Amino acid sequence: MGDVFYTARSTVRRVAGTHRTAVLEDGTTLQFGVHGPVKAHYGLEAEPDFPLPVDYIVASGCG
């Protein structure tokens, strides 16, 4: 195994309910929470619609 050459760093803070804000090391800001069927399944209709963290993971793998 080689030496570590990159470490991802971010800061995540809770805004309210399931809404979170993440700030990446380069200053990029991401909003995430719940939406669609996940929101309905857990009875979170009052929460605002934001992408799930897994949505970002899937998008990053496809980009």
Protein backbone atom coordinates (compact mmCIF):
# COMPACT_ATOMS: atom_id res chain seq x y z
CA MET A 1 0.00 0.00 0.00
CA GLY A 2 1.32 3.43 -0.92
CA ASP A 3 1.53 6.60 1.11
CA VAL A 4 -1.58 8.71 1.65
CA PHE A 5 -1.53 11.50 -0.91
CA TYR A 6 -4.96 13.08 -0.34
CA THR A 7 -7.29 13.53 2.61
CA ALA A 8 -10.77 14.95 2.02
CA ARG A 9 -11.81 17.51 4.61
CA SER A 10 -15.20 19.11 5.22
CA THR A 11 -17.26 20.72 7.93
CA VAL A 12 -20.89 19.68 8.35
CA ARG A 13 -23.39 21.57 10.46
CA ARG A 14 -27.03 20.99 11.26
CA VAL A 15 -29.30 23.79 10.05
CA ALA A 16 -32.64 22.38 11.28
CA GLY A 17 -34.37 19.00 11.29
CA THR A 18 -32.74 16.88 8.59
CA HIS A 19 -31.24 19.89 6.74
CA ARG A 20 -27.43 19.97 6.84
CA THR A 21 -24.84 22.26 5.26
CA ALA A 22 -21.39 20.97 4.34
CA VAL A 23 -18.43 23.17 3.44
CA LEU A 24 -15.60 21.49 1.57
CA GLU A 25 -11.97 22.46 2.00
CA ASP A 26 -12.06 24.48 -1.25
CA GLY A 27 -15.04 26.54 0.01
CA THR A 28 -17.75 24.71 -1.95
CA THR A 29 -21.01 24.63 0.02
CA LEU A 30 -23.48 21.75 -0.22
CA GLN A 31 -26.99 21.50 1.19
CA PHE A 32 -28.44 18.10 1.97
CA GLY A 33 -31.36 16.50 3.75
CA VAL A 34 -34.24 14.37 2.46
CA HIS A 35 -36.62 14.33 -0.50
CA GLY A 36 -39.00 12.13 -2.47
CA PRO A 37 -39.79 8.58 -1.38
CA VAL A 38 -37.38 8.67 1.57
CA LYS A 39 -39.11 11.76 2.93
CA ALA A 40 -42.55 10.14 2.50
CA HIS A 41 -41.42 6.82 4.02
CA TYR A 42 -40.22 8.47 7.22
CA GLY A 43 -43.17 10.90 7.46
CA LEU A 44 -41.00 13.99 7.01
CA GLU A 45 -43.36 15.93 4.75
CA ALA A 46 -42.74 19.15 6.72
CA GLU A 47 -38.98 19.04 5.97
CA PRO A 48 -37.66 21.05 3.00
CA ASP A 49 -36.55 19.13 -0.11
CA PHE A 50 -32.78 18.73 -0.35
CA PRO A 51 -30.62 16.03 -1.95
CA LEU A 52 -29.75 13.06 0.24
CA PRO A 53 -26.04 12.57 1.00
CA VAL A 54 -26.18 9.41 -1.13
CA ASP A 55 -27.33 11.53 -4.11
CA TYR A 56 -23.97 13.33 -4.00
CA ILE A 57 -22.09 10.04 -3.73
CA VAL A 58 -23.87 8.60 -6.79
CA ALA A 59 -23.37 11.81 -8.76
CA SER A 60 -19.66 11.93 -7.95
CA GLY A 61 -19.18 8.36 -9.15
CA CYS A 62 -20.92 9.11 -12.45
CA GLY A 63 -19.25 12.45 -13.17
